[in-house]
Amino acid sequence: IGGDVLFHGSIGRTDLPGGNYTQL
């Protein structure tokens, strides 16, 4: 159950507060 980390052909957005693209 992955939440908003990994999607089909995509990843969770990282432009919200607390988001970090490199970390994701």
mmCIF file of all heavy atoms, coordinates in Angstrom:
data_MODEL
# 
_entry.id   MODEL 
# 
loop_
_atom_site.group_PDB 
_atom_site.id 
_atom_site.type_symbol 
_atom_site.label_atom_id 
_atom_site.label_alt_id 
_atom_site.label_comp_id 
_atom_site.label_asym_id 
_atom_site.label_entity_id 
_atom_site.label_seq_id 
_atom_site.pdbx_PDB_ins_code 
_atom_site.Cartn_x 
_atom_site.Cartn_y 
_atom_site.Cartn_z 
_atom_site.occupancy 
_atom_site.B_iso_or_equiv 
_atom_site.pdbx_formal_charge 
_atom_site.auth_seq_id 
_atom_site.auth_comp_id 
_atom_site.auth_asym_id 
_atom_site.auth_atom_id 
_atom_site.pdbx_PDB_model_num 
ATOM 1   N N   . ILE A 1 1  ? 0.884  -1.155 0.000   1.00 0.00 ? 1  ILE A N   1 
ATOM 2   C CA  . ILE A 1 1  ? 0.000  0.000  0.000   1.00 0.00 ? 1  ILE A CA  1 
ATOM 3   C C   . ILE A 1 1  ? 0.930  1.216  0.000   1.00 0.00 ? 1  ILE A C   1 
ATOM 4   O O   . ILE A 1 1  ? 1.544  1.546  1.009   1.00 0.00 ? 1  ILE A O   1 
ATOM 5   C CB  . ILE A 1 1  ? -0.934 0.013  1.226   1.00 0.00 ? 1  ILE A CB  1 
ATOM 6   C CG1 . ILE A 1 1  ? -1.719 -1.313 1.319   1.00 0.00 ? 1  ILE A CG1 1 
ATOM 7   C CG2 . ILE A 1 1  ? -1.869 1.218  1.152   1.00 0.00 ? 1  ILE A CG2 1 
ATOM 8   C CD1 . ILE A 1 1  ? -2.670 -1.566 0.175   1.00 0.00 ? 1  ILE A CD1 1 
ATOM 9   N N   . GLY A 1 2  ? 1.044  1.848  -1.153  1.00 0.00 ? 2  GLY A N   1 
ATOM 10  C CA  . GLY A 1 2  ? 2.128  2.803  -1.361  1.00 0.00 ? 2  GLY A CA  1 
ATOM 11  C C   . GLY A 1 2  ? 1.799  4.262  -1.161  1.00 0.00 ? 2  GLY A C   1 
ATOM 12  O O   . GLY A 1 2  ? 2.701  5.100  -1.256  1.00 0.00 ? 2  GLY A O   1 
ATOM 13  N N   . GLY A 1 3  ? 0.529  4.591  -0.887  1.00 0.00 ? 3  GLY A N   1 
ATOM 14  C CA  . GLY A 1 3  ? 0.200  6.001  -0.743  1.00 0.00 ? 3  GLY A CA  1 
ATOM 15  C C   . GLY A 1 3  ? 0.594  6.775  -1.992  1.00 0.00 ? 3  GLY A C   1 
ATOM 16  O O   . GLY A 1 3  ? 0.441  6.298  -3.118  1.00 0.00 ? 3  GLY A O   1 
ATOM 17  N N   . ASP A 1 4  ? 1.150  7.971  -1.783  1.00 0.00 ? 4  ASP A N   1 
ATOM 18  C CA  . ASP A 1 4  ? 1.492  8.838  -2.917  1.00 0.00 ? 4  ASP A CA  1 
ATOM 19  C C   . ASP A 1 4  ? 2.992  8.865  -3.191  1.00 0.00 ? 4  ASP A C   1 
ATOM 20  O O   . ASP A 1 4  ? 3.549  9.912  -3.534  1.00 0.00 ? 4  ASP A O   1 
ATOM 21  C CB  . ASP A 1 4  ? 0.970  10.251 -2.669  1.00 0.00 ? 4  ASP A CB  1 
ATOM 22  C CG  . ASP A 1 4  ? -0.538 10.343 -2.792  1.00 0.00 ? 4  ASP A CG  1 
ATOM 23  O OD1 . ASP A 1 4  ? -1.175 9.299  -3.033  1.00 0.00 ? 4  ASP A OD1 1 
ATOM 24  O OD2 . ASP A 1 4  ? -1.085 11.450 -2.622  1.00 0.00 ? 4  ASP A OD2 1 
ATOM 25  N N   . VAL A 1 5  ? 3.646  7.717  -3.049  1.00 0.00 ? 5  VAL A N   1 
ATOM 26  C CA  . VAL A 1 5  ? 5.081  7.631  -3.327  1.00 0.00 ? 5  VAL A CA  1 
ATOM 27  C C   . VAL A 1 5  ? 5.320  7.248  -4.787  1.00 0.00 ? 5  VAL A C   1 
ATOM 28  O O   . VAL A 1 5  ? 5.995  7.958  -5.542  1.00 0.00 ? 5  VAL A O   1 
ATOM 29  C CB  . VAL A 1 5  ? 5.768  6.620  -2.385  1.00 0.00 ? 5  VAL A CB  1 
ATOM 30  C CG1 . VAL A 1 5  ? 7.233  6.424  -2.765  1.00 0.00 ? 5  VAL A CG1 1 
ATOM 31  C CG2 . VAL A 1 5  ? 5.667  7.106  -0.939  1.00 0.00 ? 5  VAL A CG2 1 
ATOM 32  N N   . LEU A 1 6  ? 4.746  6.122  -5.197  1.00 0.00 ? 6  LEU A N   1 
ATOM 33  C CA  . LEU A 1 6  ? 4.982  5.566  -6.530  1.00 0.00 ? 6  LEU A CA  1 
ATOM 34  C C   . LEU A 1 6  ? 3.652  5.263  -7.200  1.00 0.00 ? 6  LEU A C   1 
ATOM 35  O O   . LEU A 1 6  ? 2.792  4.603  -6.616  1.00 0.00 ? 6  LEU A O   1 
ATOM 36  C CB  . LEU A 1 6  ? 5.813  4.281  -6.395  1.00 0.00 ? 6  LEU A CB  1 
ATOM 37  C CG  . LEU A 1 6  ? 6.185  3.535  -7.673  1.00 0.00 ? 6  LEU A CG  1 
ATOM 38  C CD1 . LEU A 1 6  ? 7.138  4.363  -8.533  1.00 0.00 ? 6  LEU A CD1 1 
ATOM 39  C CD2 . LEU A 1 6  ? 6.813  2.188  -7.331  1.00 0.00 ? 6  LEU A CD2 1 
ATOM 40  N N   . PHE A 1 7  ? 3.492  5.747  -8.431  1.00 0.00 ? 7  PHE A N   1 
ATOM 41  C CA  . PHE A 1 7  ? 2.283  5.506  -9.204  1.00 0.00 ? 7  PHE A CA  1 
ATOM 42  C C   . PHE A 1 7  ? 2.614  4.717  -10.472 1.00 0.00 ? 7  PHE A C   1 
ATOM 43  O O   . PHE A 1 7  ? 3.788  4.543  -10.819 1.00 0.00 ? 7  PHE A O   1 
ATOM 44  C CB  . PHE A 1 7  ? 1.625  6.828  -9.614  1.00 0.00 ? 7  PHE A CB  1 
ATOM 45  C CG  . PHE A 1 7  ? 1.188  7.679  -8.461  1.00 0.00 ? 7  PHE A CG  1 
ATOM 46  C CD1 . PHE A 1 7  ? 1.669  8.972  -8.328  1.00 0.00 ? 7  PHE A CD1 1 
ATOM 47  C CD2 . PHE A 1 7  ? 0.297  7.212  -7.518  1.00 0.00 ? 7  PHE A CD2 1 
ATOM 48  C CE1 . PHE A 1 7  ? 1.268  9.780  -7.267  1.00 0.00 ? 7  PHE A CE1 1 
ATOM 49  C CE2 . PHE A 1 7  ? -0.112 8.011  -6.457  1.00 0.00 ? 7  PHE A CE2 1 
ATOM 50  C CZ  . PHE A 1 7  ? 0.373  9.296  -6.337  1.00 0.00 ? 7  PHE A CZ  1 
ATOM 51  N N   . HIS A 1 8  ? 1.579  4.307  -11.172 1.00 0.00 ? 8  HIS A N   1 
ATOM 52  C CA  . HIS A 1 8  ? 1.767  3.660  -12.471 1.00 0.00 ? 8  HIS A CA  1 
ATOM 53  C C   . HIS A 1 8  ? 2.385  4.683  -13.433 1.00 0.00 ? 8  HIS A C   1 
ATOM 54  O O   . HIS A 1 8  ? 1.726  5.626  -13.859 1.00 0.00 ? 8  HIS A O   1 
ATOM 55  C CB  . HIS A 1 8  ? 0.425  3.168  -13.007 1.00 0.00 ? 8  HIS A CB  1 
ATOM 56  C CG  . HIS A 1 8  ? 0.517  2.479  -14.331 1.00 0.00 ? 8  HIS A CG  1 
ATOM 57  N ND1 . HIS A 1 8  ? 0.790  1.135  -14.444 1.00 0.00 ? 8  HIS A ND1 1 
ATOM 58  C CD2 . HIS A 1 8  ? 0.405  2.946  -15.588 1.00 0.00 ? 8  HIS A CD2 1 
ATOM 59  C CE1 . HIS A 1 8  ? 0.830  0.803  -15.727 1.00 0.00 ? 8  HIS A CE1 1 
ATOM 60  N NE2 . HIS A 1 8  ? 0.593  1.895  -16.446 1.00 0.00 ? 8  HIS A NE2 1 
ATOM 61  N N   . GLY A 1 9  ? 3.645  4.522  -13.722 1.00 0.00 ? 9  GLY A N   1 
ATOM 62  C CA  . GLY A 1 9  ? 4.338  5.405  -14.642 1.00 0.00 ? 9  GLY A CA  1 
ATOM 63  C C   . GLY A 1 9  ? 4.633  6.789  -14.111 1.00 0.00 ? 9  GLY A C   1 
ATOM 64  O O   . GLY A 1 9  ? 4.981  7.684  -14.879 1.00 0.00 ? 9  GLY A O   1 
ATOM 65  N N   . SER A 1 10 ? 4.521  6.973  -12.812 1.00 0.00 ? 10 SER A N   1 
ATOM 66  C CA  . SER A 1 10 ? 4.740  8.304  -12.253 1.00 0.00 ? 10 SER A CA  1 
ATOM 67  C C   . SER A 1 10 ? 5.175  8.197  -10.794 1.00 0.00 ? 10 SER A C   1 
ATOM 68  O O   . SER A 1 10 ? 5.350  7.098  -10.262 1.00 0.00 ? 10 SER A O   1 
ATOM 69  C CB  . SER A 1 10 ? 3.457  9.144  -12.380 1.00 0.00 ? 10 SER A CB  1 
ATOM 70  O OG  . SER A 1 10 ? 3.717  10.489 -12.055 1.00 0.00 ? 10 SER A OG  1 
ATOM 71  N N   . ILE A 1 11 ? 5.344  9.367  -10.177 1.00 0.00 ? 11 ILE A N   1 
ATOM 72  C CA  . ILE A 1 11 ? 5.714  9.432  -8.760  1.00 0.00 ? 11 ILE A CA  1 
ATOM 73  C C   . ILE A 1 11 ? 4.863  10.499 -8.085  1.00 0.00 ? 11 ILE A C   1 
ATOM 74  O O   . ILE A 1 11 ? 4.190  11.292 -8.755  1.00 0.00 ? 11 ILE A O   1 
ATOM 75  C CB  . ILE A 1 11 ? 7.209  9.785  -8.574  1.00 0.00 ? 11 ILE A CB  1 
ATOM 76  C CG1 . ILE A 1 11 ? 7.519  11.132 -9.239  1.00 0.00 ? 11 ILE A CG1 1 
ATOM 77  C CG2 . ILE A 1 11 ? 8.102  8.676  -9.142  1.00 0.00 ? 11 ILE A CG2 1 
ATOM 78  C CD1 . ILE A 1 11 ? 8.906  11.673 -8.943  1.00 0.00 ? 11 ILE A CD1 1 
ATOM 79  N N   . GLY A 1 12 ? 4.899  10.525 -6.760  1.00 0.00 ? 12 GLY A N   1 
ATOM 80  C CA  . GLY A 1 12 ? 4.162  11.542 -6.032  1.00 0.00 ? 12 GLY A CA  1 
ATOM 81  C C   . GLY A 1 12 ? 4.712  12.928 -6.304  1.00 0.00 ? 12 GLY A C   1 
ATOM 82  O O   . GLY A 1 12 ? 5.914  13.104 -6.519  1.00 0.00 ? 12 GLY A O   1 
ATOM 83  N N   . ARG A 1 13 ? 3.839  13.909 -6.277  1.00 0.00 ? 13 ARG A N   1 
ATOM 84  C CA  . ARG A 1 13 ? 4.291  15.289 -6.486  1.00 0.00 ? 13 ARG A CA  1 
ATOM 85  C C   . ARG A 1 13 ? 5.124  15.734 -5.285  1.00 0.00 ? 13 ARG A C   1 
ATOM 86  O O   . ARG A 1 13 ? 4.931  15.271 -4.154  1.00 0.00 ? 13 ARG A O   1 
ATOM 87  C CB  . ARG A 1 13 ? 3.116  16.229 -6.719  1.00 0.00 ? 13 ARG A CB  1 
ATOM 88  C CG  . ARG A 1 13 ? 2.100  16.262 -5.604  1.00 0.00 ? 13 ARG A CG  1 
ATOM 89  C CD  . ARG A 1 13 ? 0.862  17.060 -5.981  1.00 0.00 ? 13 ARG A CD  1 
ATOM 90  N NE  . ARG A 1 13 ? 1.164  18.481 -6.162  1.00 0.00 ? 13 ARG A NE  1 
ATOM 91  C CZ  . ARG A 1 13 ? 0.223  19.417 -6.375  1.00 0.00 ? 13 ARG A CZ  1 
ATOM 92  N NH1 . ARG A 1 13 ? -1.052 19.068 -6.457  1.00 0.00 ? 13 ARG A NH1 1 
ATOM 93  N NH2 . ARG A 1 13 ? 0.552  20.684 -6.516  1.00 0.00 ? 13 ARG A NH2 1 
ATOM 94  N N   . THR A 1 14 ? 6.059  16.641 -5.543  1.00 0.00 ? 14 THR A N   1 
ATOM 95  C CA  . THR A 1 14 ? 6.970  17.073 -4.479  1.00 0.00 ? 14 THR A CA  1 
ATOM 96  C C   . THR A 1 14 ? 6.947  18.585 -4.282  1.00 0.00 ? 14 THR A C   1 
ATOM 97  O O   . THR A 1 14 ? 7.816  19.143 -3.618  1.00 0.00 ? 14 THR A O   1 
ATOM 98  C CB  . THR A 1 14 ? 8.410  16.621 -4.788  1.00 0.00 ? 14 THR A CB  1 
ATOM 99  O OG1 . THR A 1 14 ? 8.803  17.132 -6.071  1.00 0.00 ? 14 THR A OG1 1 
ATOM 100 C CG2 . THR A 1 14 ? 8.513  15.105 -4.787  1.00 0.00 ? 14 THR A CG2 1 
ATOM 101 N N   . ASP A 1 15 ? 5.929  19.248 -4.832  1.00 0.00 ? 15 ASP A N   1 
ATOM 102 C CA  . ASP A 1 15 ? 5.854  20.702 -4.739  1.00 0.00 ? 15 ASP A CA  1 
ATOM 103 C C   . ASP A 1 15 ? 4.955  21.177 -3.602  1.00 0.00 ? 15 ASP A C   1 
ATOM 104 O O   . ASP A 1 15 ? 4.715  22.372 -3.451  1.00 0.00 ? 15 ASP A O   1 
ATOM 105 C CB  . ASP A 1 15 ? 5.372  21.285 -6.066  1.00 0.00 ? 15 ASP A CB  1 
ATOM 106 C CG  . ASP A 1 15 ? 3.997  20.768 -6.476  1.00 0.00 ? 15 ASP A CG  1 
ATOM 107 O OD1 . ASP A 1 15 ? 3.618  19.660 -6.038  1.00 0.00 ? 15 ASP A OD1 1 
ATOM 108 O OD2 . ASP A 1 15 ? 3.308  21.466 -7.250  1.00 0.00 ? 15 ASP A OD2 1 
ATOM 109 N N   . LEU A 1 16 ? 4.478  20.251 -2.785  1.00 0.00 ? 16 LEU A N   1 
ATOM 110 C CA  . LEU A 1 16 ? 3.678  20.614 -1.621  1.00 0.00 ? 16 LEU A CA  1 
ATOM 111 C C   . LEU A 1 16 ? 4.580  20.796 -0.404  1.00 0.00 ? 16 LEU A C   1 
ATOM 112 O O   . LEU A 1 16 ? 5.724  20.335 -0.401  1.00 0.00 ? 16 LEU A O   1 
ATOM 113 C CB  . LEU A 1 16 ? 2.633  19.527 -1.358  1.00 0.00 ? 16 LEU A CB  1 
ATOM 114 C CG  . LEU A 1 16 ? 1.625  19.288 -2.497  1.00 0.00 ? 16 LEU A CG  1 
ATOM 115 C CD1 . LEU A 1 16 ? 0.794  18.047 -2.217  1.00 0.00 ? 16 LEU A CD1 1 
ATOM 116 C CD2 . LEU A 1 16 ? 0.740  20.507 -2.694  1.00 0.00 ? 16 LEU A CD2 1 
ATOM 117 N N   . PRO A 1 17 ? 4.101  21.465 0.653   1.00 0.00 ? 17 PRO A N   1 
ATOM 118 C CA  . PRO A 1 17 ? 4.939  21.656 1.841   1.00 0.00 ? 17 PRO A CA  1 
ATOM 119 C C   . PRO A 1 17 ? 5.492  20.331 2.380   1.00 0.00 ? 17 PRO A C   1 
ATOM 120 O O   . PRO A 1 17 ? 4.751  19.362 2.534   1.00 0.00 ? 17 PRO A O   1 
ATOM 121 C CB  . PRO A 1 17 ? 3.969  22.294 2.847   1.00 0.00 ? 17 PRO A CB  1 
ATOM 122 C CG  . PRO A 1 17 ? 2.978  23.015 1.986   1.00 0.00 ? 17 PRO A CG  1 
ATOM 123 C CD  . PRO A 1 17 ? 2.804  22.155 0.772   1.00 0.00 ? 17 PRO A CD  1 
ATOM 124 N N   . GLY A 1 18 ? 6.789  20.301 2.614   1.00 0.00 ? 18 GLY A N   1 
ATOM 125 C CA  . GLY A 1 18 ? 7.433  19.091 3.114   1.00 0.00 ? 18 GLY A CA  1 
ATOM 126 C C   . GLY A 1 18 ? 7.878  18.144 2.029   1.00 0.00 ? 18 GLY A C   1 
ATOM 127 O O   . GLY A 1 18 ? 8.457  17.095 2.310   1.00 0.00 ? 18 GLY A O   1 
ATOM 128 N N   . GLY A 1 19 ? 7.615  18.493 0.764   1.00 0.00 ? 19 GLY A N   1 
ATOM 129 C CA  . GLY A 1 19 ? 8.019  17.634 -0.344  1.00 0.00 ? 19 GLY A CA  1 
ATOM 130 C C   . GLY A 1 19 ? 9.490  17.816 -0.689  1.00 0.00 ? 19 GLY A C   1 
ATOM 131 O O   . GLY A 1 19 ? 10.066 18.886 -0.473  1.00 0.00 ? 19 GLY A O   1 
ATOM 132 N N   . ASN A 1 20 ? 10.096 16.766 -1.221  1.00 0.00 ? 20 ASN A N   1 
ATOM 133 C CA  . ASN A 1 20 ? 11.509 16.809 -1.585  1.00 0.00 ? 20 ASN A CA  1 
ATOM 134 C C   . ASN A 1 20 ? 11.750 15.790 -2.688  1.00 0.00 ? 20 ASN A C   1 
ATOM 135 O O   . ASN A 1 20 ? 11.723 14.590 -2.436  1.00 0.00 ? 20 ASN A O   1 
ATOM 136 C CB  . ASN A 1 20 ? 12.381 16.520 -0.351  1.00 0.00 ? 20 ASN A CB  1 
ATOM 137 C CG  . ASN A 1 20 ? 13.859 16.653 -0.625  1.00 0.00 ? 20 ASN A CG  1 
ATOM 138 O OD1 . ASN A 1 20 ? 14.381 16.051 -1.568  1.00 0.00 ? 20 ASN A OD1 1 
ATOM 139 N ND2 . ASN A 1 20 ? 14.542 17.421 0.205   1.00 0.00 ? 20 ASN A ND2 1 
ATOM 140 N N   . TYR A 1 21 ? 11.990 16.277 -3.894  1.00 0.00 ? 21 TYR A N   1 
ATOM 141 C CA  . TYR A 1 21 ? 12.125 15.398 -5.055  1.00 0.00 ? 21 TYR A CA  1 
ATOM 142 C C   . TYR A 1 21 ? 13.292 14.433 -4.903  1.00 0.00 ? 21 TYR A C   1 
ATOM 143 O O   . TYR A 1 21 ? 13.145 13.216 -5.130  1.00 0.00 ? 21 TYR A O   1 
ATOM 144 C CB  . TYR A 1 21 ? 12.295 16.241 -6.321  1.00 0.00 ? 21 TYR A CB  1 
ATOM 145 C CG  . TYR A 1 21 ? 12.476 15.426 -7.581  1.00 0.00 ? 21 TYR A CG  1 
ATOM 146 C CD1 . TYR A 1 21 ? 11.376 14.936 -8.282  1.00 0.00 ? 21 TYR A CD1 1 
ATOM 147 C CD2 . TYR A 1 21 ? 13.753 15.148 -8.076  1.00 0.00 ? 21 TYR A CD2 1 
ATOM 148 C CE1 . TYR A 1 21 ? 11.530 14.187 -9.437  1.00 0.00 ? 21 TYR A CE1 1 
ATOM 149 C CE2 . TYR A 1 21 ? 13.920 14.403 -9.231  1.00 0.00 ? 21 TYR A CE2 1 
ATOM 150 C CZ  . TYR A 1 21 ? 12.812 13.919 -9.909  1.00 0.00 ? 21 TYR A CZ  1 
ATOM 151 O OH  . TYR A 1 21 ? 12.984 13.177 -11.036 1.00 0.00 ? 21 TYR A OH  1 
ATOM 152 N N   . THR A 1 22 ? 14.446 14.949 -4.517  1.00 0.00 ? 22 THR A N   1 
ATOM 153 C CA  . THR A 1 22 ? 15.639 14.101 -4.387  1.00 0.00 ? 22 THR A CA  1 
ATOM 154 C C   . THR A 1 22 ? 15.416 13.001 -3.360  1.00 0.00 ? 22 THR A C   1 
ATOM 155 O O   . THR A 1 22 ? 15.782 11.837 -3.574  1.00 0.00 ? 22 THR A O   1 
ATOM 156 C CB  . THR A 1 22 ? 16.863 14.952 -3.994  1.00 0.00 ? 22 THR A CB  1 
ATOM 157 O OG1 . THR A 1 22 ? 17.038 15.980 -4.979  1.00 0.00 ? 22 THR A OG1 1 
ATOM 158 C CG2 . THR A 1 22 ? 18.114 14.098 -3.913  1.00 0.00 ? 22 THR A CG2 1 
ATOM 159 N N   . GLN A 1 23 ? 14.805 13.363 -2.262  1.00 0.00 ? 23 GLN A N   1 
ATOM 160 C CA  . GLN A 1 23 ? 14.515 12.399 -1.195  1.00 0.00 ? 23 GLN A CA  1 
ATOM 161 C C   . GLN A 1 23 ? 13.535 11.332 -1.672  1.00 0.00 ? 23 GLN A C   1 
ATOM 162 O O   . GLN A 1 23 ? 13.703 10.143 -1.381  1.00 0.00 ? 23 GLN A O   1 
ATOM 163 C CB  . GLN A 1 23 ? 13.942 13.147 0.009   1.00 0.00 ? 23 GLN A CB  1 
ATOM 164 C CG  . GLN A 1 23 ? 13.683 12.286 1.238   1.00 0.00 ? 23 GLN A CG  1 
ATOM 165 C CD  . GLN A 1 23 ? 13.049 13.082 2.360   1.00 0.00 ? 23 GLN A CD  1 
ATOM 166 O OE1 . GLN A 1 23 ? 12.122 13.864 2.137   1.00 0.00 ? 23 GLN A OE1 1 
ATOM 167 N NE2 . GLN A 1 23 ? 13.547 12.908 3.578   1.00 0.00 ? 23 GLN A NE2 1 
ATOM 168 N N   . LEU A 1 24 ? 12.527 11.740 -2.419  1.00 0.00 ? 24 LEU A N   1 
ATOM 169 C CA  . LEU A 1 24 ? 11.519 10.789 -2.911  1.00 0.00 ? 24 LEU A CA  1 
ATOM 170 C C   . LEU A 1 24 ? 12.151 9.766  -3.848  1.00 0.00 ? 24 LEU A C   1 
ATOM 171 O O   . LEU A 1 24 ? 11.937 8.559  -3.700  1.00 0.00 ? 24 LEU A O   1 
ATOM 172 C CB  . LEU A 1 24 ? 10.395 11.534 -3.627  1.00 0.00 ? 24 LEU A CB  1 
ATOM 173 C CG  . LEU A 1 24 ? 9.257  10.661 -4.171  1.00 0.00 ? 24 LEU A CG  1 
ATOM 174 C CD1 . LEU A 1 24 ? 8.523  9.956  -3.037  1.00 0.00 ? 24 LEU A CD1 1 
ATOM 175 C CD2 . LEU A 1 24 ? 8.279  11.487 -5.001  1.00 0.00 ? 24 LEU A CD2 1 
# 
